[in-house]
Amino acid sequence: MKQIIAFFGTLSLPARFCFLLVVFTAVMSCYSWLPVSAHPKYLVIFTILAAVASWMIGFTSMTGFLLVMRKYDKSLLLEISLPATYWQLFAGALVYFIVVFRGAFVYYPHGVDLGPTVDLRMATSFSLLFTVISLGFIQHVGLRFNALQSALTTQSR
């Protein structure tokens, strides 16, 4: 838990919003597995919109960083890697995504409407994976931008 709190402390503002979307989709994933008679259909749309919003934030962050980088020498950037906590989170989301989709493919019949419960489970696994990927992109851009600022301040002295 301390690693997650320390990881959250290093996030930029867009990455924090994306982290909240990851938490939202994780809560929705837990909710989708509760033994409820029927889940509302609109929850599927909300989880997919969360994934789309995180990708939009990731795309704009990456585009903004690349536009800023056009002005500077590429040799100013250091090699940046994401923390181990992120890679563990990514591995968990990827395994959950594969298990849910593989289970739905093997267990449920094909060509039939599976209902809102299965739809919600598949949508939350998709959304969780893609929000975690977007969080990684945004965090990587933030770390590279901080490295660029530090290299520019060191170079100007």
C-alpha atoms as a PDB file:
ATOM      1  CA  MET A   1       0.000   0.000   0.000  1.00  0.00           C
ATOM      2  CA  LYS A   2       2.901   2.338   0.746  1.00  0.00           C
ATOM      3  CA  GLN A   3       4.262   1.746  -2.761  1.00  0.00           C
ATOM      4  CA  ILE A   4       0.940   2.765  -4.301  1.00  0.00           C
ATOM      5  CA  ILE A   5       0.800   5.923  -2.166  1.00  0.00           C
ATOM      6  CA  ALA A   6       4.409   6.768  -3.109  1.00  0.00           C
ATOM      7  CA  PHE A   7       3.583   6.134  -6.789  1.00  0.00           C
ATOM      8  CA  PHE A   8       0.520   8.394  -6.515  1.00  0.00           C
ATOM      9  CA  GLY A   9       2.725  11.157  -5.086  1.00  0.00           C
ATOM     10  CA  THR A  10       4.886  11.197  -8.228  1.00  0.00           C
ATOM     11  CA  LEU A  11       1.971  11.659 -10.637  1.00  0.00           C
ATOM     12  CA  SER A  12       1.268  14.852 -12.539  1.00  0.00           C
ATOM     13  CA  LEU A  13      -2.235  16.378 -12.595  1.00  0.00           C
ATOM     14  CA  PRO A  14      -3.401  14.592 -15.789  1.00  0.00           C
ATOM     15  CA  ALA A  15      -1.913  11.349 -14.484  1.00  0.00           C
ATOM     16  CA  ARG A  16      -3.771  11.765 -11.179  1.00  0.00           C
ATOM     17  CA  PHE A  17      -7.048  12.142 -13.055  1.00  0.00           C
ATOM     18  CA  CYS A  18      -6.186   9.050 -15.072  1.00  0.00           C
ATOM     19  CA  PHE A  19      -5.338   7.222 -11.833  1.00  0.00           C
ATOM     20  CA  LEU A  20      -8.810   8.118 -10.542  1.00  0.00           C
ATOM     21  CA  LEU A  21     -10.253   6.600 -13.721  1.00  0.00           C
ATOM     22  CA  VAL A  22      -8.224   3.445 -13.013  1.00  0.00           C
ATOM     23  CA  VAL A  23      -9.691   3.337  -9.500  1.00  0.00           C
ATOM     24  CA  PHE A  24     -13.189   3.891 -10.937  1.00  0.00           C
ATOM     25  CA  THR A  25     -12.824   1.009 -13.373  1.00  0.00           C
ATOM     26  CA  ALA A  26     -11.346  -1.229 -10.657  1.00  0.00           C
ATOM     27  CA  VAL A  27     -14.374  -0.514  -8.454  1.00  0.00           C
ATOM     28  CA  MET A  28     -16.663  -1.181 -11.408  1.00  0.00           C
ATOM     29  CA  SER A  29     -14.828  -4.470 -12.040  1.00  0.00           C
ATOM     30  CA  CYS A  30     -15.469  -5.555  -8.470  1.00  0.00           C
ATOM     31  CA  TYR A  31     -19.099  -4.475  -8.778  1.00  0.00           C
ATOM     32  CA  SER A  32     -19.548  -6.435 -12.012  1.00  0.00           C
ATOM     33  CA  TRP A  33     -18.724  -9.674 -10.192  1.00  0.00           C
ATOM     34  CA  LEU A  34     -21.202  -9.116  -7.344  1.00  0.00           C
ATOM     35  CA  PRO A  35     -24.118 -11.551  -7.384  1.00  0.00           C
ATOM     36  CA  VAL A  36     -26.731  -8.985  -8.386  1.00  0.00           C
ATOM     37  CA  SER A  37     -29.758 -10.102 -10.404  1.00  0.00           C
ATOM     38  CA  ALA A  38     -29.186  -7.477 -13.123  1.00  0.00           C
ATOM     39  CA  HIS A  39     -26.719  -4.662 -13.660  1.00  0.00           C
ATOM     40  CA  PRO A  40     -27.882  -1.395 -15.243  1.00  0.00           C
ATOM     41  CA  LYS A  41     -26.979  -1.199 -18.924  1.00  0.00           C
ATOM     42  CA  TYR A  42     -25.706   2.378 -18.651  1.00  0.00           C
ATOM     43  CA  LEU A  43     -22.752   1.258 -16.502  1.00  0.00           C
ATOM     44  CA  VAL A  44     -21.213  -0.366 -19.589  1.00  0.00           C
ATOM     45  CA  ILE A  45     -21.264   3.002 -21.349  1.00  0.00           C
ATOM     46  CA  PHE A  46     -19.687   4.748 -18.330  1.00  0.00           C
ATOM     47  CA  THR A  47     -16.812   2.292 -18.136  1.00  0.00           C
ATOM     48  CA  ILE A  48     -16.118   2.575 -21.857  1.00  0.00           C
ATOM     49  CA  LEU A  49     -16.289   6.374 -21.617  1.00  0.00           C
ATOM     50  CA  ALA A  50     -13.726   6.222 -18.796  1.00  0.00           C
ATOM     51  CA  ALA A  51     -11.357   4.322 -21.104  1.00  0.00           C
ATOM     52  CA  VAL A  52     -11.947   6.793 -23.924  1.00  0.00           C
ATOM     53  CA  ALA A  53     -11.366   9.768 -21.593  1.00  0.00           C
ATOM     54  CA  SER A  54      -8.098   8.307 -20.336  1.00  0.00           C
ATOM     55  CA  TRP A  55      -6.909   7.683 -23.892  1.00  0.00           C
ATOM     56  CA  MET A  56      -7.825  11.234 -24.855  1.00  0.00           C
ATOM     57  CA  ILE A  57      -5.791  12.594 -21.940  1.00  0.00           C
ATOM     58  CA  GLY A  58      -2.895  10.300 -22.844  1.00  0.00           C
ATOM     59  CA  PHE A  59      -2.991  11.331 -26.493  1.00  0.00           C
ATOM     60  CA  THR A  60      -3.076  15.065 -25.723  1.00  0.00           C
ATOM     61  CA  SER A  61      -0.256  14.715 -23.173  1.00  0.00           C
ATOM     62  CA  MET A  62       1.910  12.793 -25.608  1.00  0.00           C
ATOM     63  CA  THR A  63       1.153  15.232 -28.447  1.00  0.00           C
ATOM     64  CA  GLY A  64       1.933  18.234 -26.243  1.00  0.00           C
ATOM     65  CA  PHE A  65       5.223  16.702 -25.153  1.00  0.00           C
ATOM     66  CA  LEU A  66       6.244  15.917 -28.726  1.00  0.00           C
ATOM     67  CA  LEU A  67       5.400  19.471 -29.814  1.00  0.00           C
ATOM     68  CA  VAL A  68       7.554  20.861 -26.997  1.00  0.00           C
ATOM     69  CA  MET A  69      10.385  18.461 -27.828  1.00  0.00           C
ATOM     70  CA  ARG A  70      10.666  19.717 -31.412  1.00  0.00           C
ATOM     71  CA  LYS A  71      12.487  22.807 -30.119  1.00  0.00           C
ATOM     72  CA  TYR A  72      15.124  20.971 -28.112  1.00  0.00           C
ATOM     73  CA  ASP A  73      17.999  18.642 -28.776  1.00  0.00           C
ATOM     74  CA  LYS A  74      17.087  14.977 -28.332  1.00  0.00           C
ATOM     75  CA  SER A  75      20.340  14.296 -26.493  1.00  0.00           C
ATOM     76  CA  LEU A  76      19.043  16.260 -23.470  1.00  0.00           C
ATOM     77  CA  LEU A  77      16.682  13.432 -22.543  1.00  0.00           C
ATOM     78  CA  LEU A  78      17.770  10.719 -20.183  1.00  0.00           C
ATOM     79  CA  GLU A  79      16.554   7.144 -20.275  1.00  0.00           C
ATOM     80  CA  ILE A  80      13.371   6.999 -18.214  1.00  0.00           C
ATOM     81  CA  SER A  81      11.591   3.915 -16.902  1.00  0.00           C
ATOM     82  CA  LEU A  82       8.337   3.630 -15.033  1.00  0.00           C
ATOM     83  CA  PRO A  83       8.311   2.391 -11.410  1.00  0.00           C
ATOM     84  CA  ALA A  84       7.881  -1.304 -10.641  1.00  0.00           C
ATOM     85  CA  THR A  85       4.494  -0.555  -9.063  1.00  0.00           C
ATOM     86  CA  TYR A  86       3.162   0.533 -12.438  1.00  0.00           C
ATOM     87  CA  TRP A  87       4.416  -2.632 -14.143  1.00  0.00           C
ATOM     88  CA  GLN A  88       2.765  -4.777 -11.467  1.00  0.00           C
ATOM     89  CA  LEU A  89      -0.485  -2.875 -11.965  1.00  0.00           C
ATOM     90  CA  PHE A  90      -0.187  -3.316 -15.734  1.00  0.00           C
ATOM     91  CA  ALA A  91       0.492  -7.058 -15.419  1.00  0.00           C
ATOM     92  CA  GLY A  92      -2.540  -7.498 -13.168  1.00  0.00           C
ATOM     93  CA  ALA A  93      -4.796  -5.580 -15.570  1.00  0.00           C
ATOM     94  CA  LEU A  94      -3.489  -7.552 -18.550  1.00  0.00           C
ATOM     95  CA  VAL A  95      -4.028 -10.907 -16.827  1.00  0.00           C
ATOM     96  CA  TYR A  96      -7.546  -9.848 -15.775  1.00  0.00           C
ATOM     97  CA  PHE A  97      -8.334  -8.772 -19.351  1.00  0.00           C
ATOM     98  CA  ILE A  98      -7.086 -12.069 -20.830  1.00  0.00           C
ATOM     99  CA  VAL A  99      -8.867 -14.212 -18.240  1.00  0.00           C
ATOM    100  CA  VAL A 100     -12.208 -12.442 -18.702  1.00  0.00           C
ATOM    101  CA  PHE A 101     -12.132 -12.505 -22.492  1.00  0.00           C
ATOM    102  CA  ARG A 102     -10.812 -16.051 -22.689  1.00  0.00           C
ATOM    103  CA  GLY A 103     -13.401 -17.195 -20.143  1.00  0.00           C
ATOM    104  CA  ALA A 104     -16.212 -15.498 -22.027  1.00  0.00           C
ATOM    105  CA  PHE A 105     -15.017 -17.038 -25.294  1.00  0.00           C
ATOM    106  CA  VAL A 106     -14.796 -20.567 -23.886  1.00  0.00           C
ATOM    107  CA  TYR A 107     -17.696 -20.616 -21.426  1.00  0.00           C
ATOM    108  CA  TYR A 108     -20.510 -18.678 -23.105  1.00  0.00           C
ATOM    109  CA  PRO A 109     -22.268 -19.643 -26.351  1.00  0.00           C
ATOM    110  CA  HIS A 110     -21.566 -17.657 -29.510  1.00  0.00           C
ATOM    111  CA  GLY A 111     -24.127 -15.590 -31.393  1.00  0.00           C
ATOM    112  CA  VAL A 112     -26.265 -14.931 -28.324  1.00  0.00           C
ATOM    113  CA  ASP A 113     -26.830 -11.714 -26.363  1.00  0.00           C
ATOM    114  CA  LEU A 114     -25.070 -12.445 -23.085  1.00  0.00           C
ATOM    115  CA  GLY A 115     -26.858  -9.760 -21.105  1.00  0.00           C
ATOM    116  CA  PRO A 116     -25.708  -6.706 -19.172  1.00  0.00           C
ATOM    117  CA  THR A 117     -23.776  -8.637 -16.506  1.00  0.00           C
ATOM    118  CA  VAL A 118     -21.362 -10.278 -18.945  1.00  0.00           C
ATOM    119  CA  ASP A 119     -21.222  -7.073 -20.990  1.00  0.00           C
ATOM    120  CA  LEU A 120     -20.232  -5.139 -17.861  1.00  0.00           C
ATOM    121  CA  ARG A 121     -17.560  -7.681 -16.945  1.00  0.00           C
ATOM    122  CA  MET A 122     -16.001  -7.514 -20.397  1.00  0.00           C
ATOM    123  CA  ALA A 123     -16.290  -3.715 -20.572  1.00  0.00           C
ATOM    124  CA  THR A 124     -14.644  -3.261 -17.175  1.00  0.00           C
ATOM    125  CA  SER A 125     -11.757  -5.577 -18.056  1.00  0.00           C
ATOM    126  CA  PHE A 126     -11.228  -3.664 -21.314  1.00  0.00           C
ATOM    127  CA  SER A 127     -11.538  -0.306 -19.568  1.00  0.00           C
ATOM    128  CA  LEU A 128      -9.209  -1.278 -16.738  1.00  0.00           C
ATOM    129  CA  LEU A 129      -6.483  -2.392 -19.123  1.00  0.00           C
ATOM    130  CA  PHE A 130      -6.723   0.681 -21.315  1.00  0.00           C
ATOM    131  CA  THR A 131      -6.858   3.169 -18.431  1.00  0.00           C
ATOM    132  CA  VAL A 132      -3.753   1.549 -16.929  1.00  0.00           C
ATOM    133  CA  ILE A 133      -1.970   1.777 -20.298  1.00  0.00           C
ATOM    134  CA  SER A 134      -2.963   5.426 -20.592  1.00  0.00           C
ATOM    135  CA  LEU A 135      -1.741   6.081 -17.053  1.00  0.00           C
ATOM    136  CA  GLY A 136       1.638   4.652 -18.069  1.00  0.00           C
ATOM    137  CA  PHE A 137       1.847   6.898 -21.137  1.00  0.00           C
ATOM    138  CA  ILE A 138       0.955   9.984 -19.130  1.00  0.00           C
ATOM    139  CA  GLN A 139       3.364   9.133 -16.306  1.00  0.00           C
ATOM    140  CA  HIS A 140       6.150   8.455 -18.806  1.00  0.00           C
ATOM    141  CA  VAL A 141       5.542  11.797 -20.525  1.00  0.00           C
ATOM    142  CA  GLY A 142       5.565  13.556 -17.135  1.00  0.00           C
ATOM    143  CA  LEU A 143       8.847  11.931 -16.137  1.00  0.00           C
ATOM    144  CA  ARG A 144      10.445  12.798 -19.480  1.00  0.00           C
ATOM    145  CA  PHE A 145       9.228  16.383 -19.220  1.00  0.00           C
ATOM    146  CA  ASN A 146      10.694  16.691 -15.709  1.00  0.00           C
ATOM    147  CA  ALA A 147      13.989  15.269 -16.998  1.00  0.00           C
ATOM    148  CA  LEU A 148      13.959  17.808 -19.843  1.00  0.00           C
ATOM    149  CA  GLN A 149      13.342  20.698 -17.432  1.00  0.00           C
ATOM    150  CA  SER A 150      16.130  19.522 -15.170  1.00  0.00           C
ATOM    151  CA  ALA A 151      18.540  19.143 -18.111  1.00  0.00           C
ATOM    152  CA  LEU A 152      17.674  22.636 -19.345  1.00  0.00           C
ATOM    153  CA  THR A 153      18.223  24.169 -15.915  1.00  0.00           C
ATOM    154  CA  THR A 154      21.545  22.362 -15.555  1.00  0.00           C
ATOM    155  CA  GLN A 155      22.593  23.427 -19.048  1.00  0.00           C
ATOM    156  CA  SER A 156      21.689  27.108 -18.500  1.00  0.00           C
ATOM    157  CA  ARG A 157      23.920  27.431 -15.418  1.00  0.00           C
END
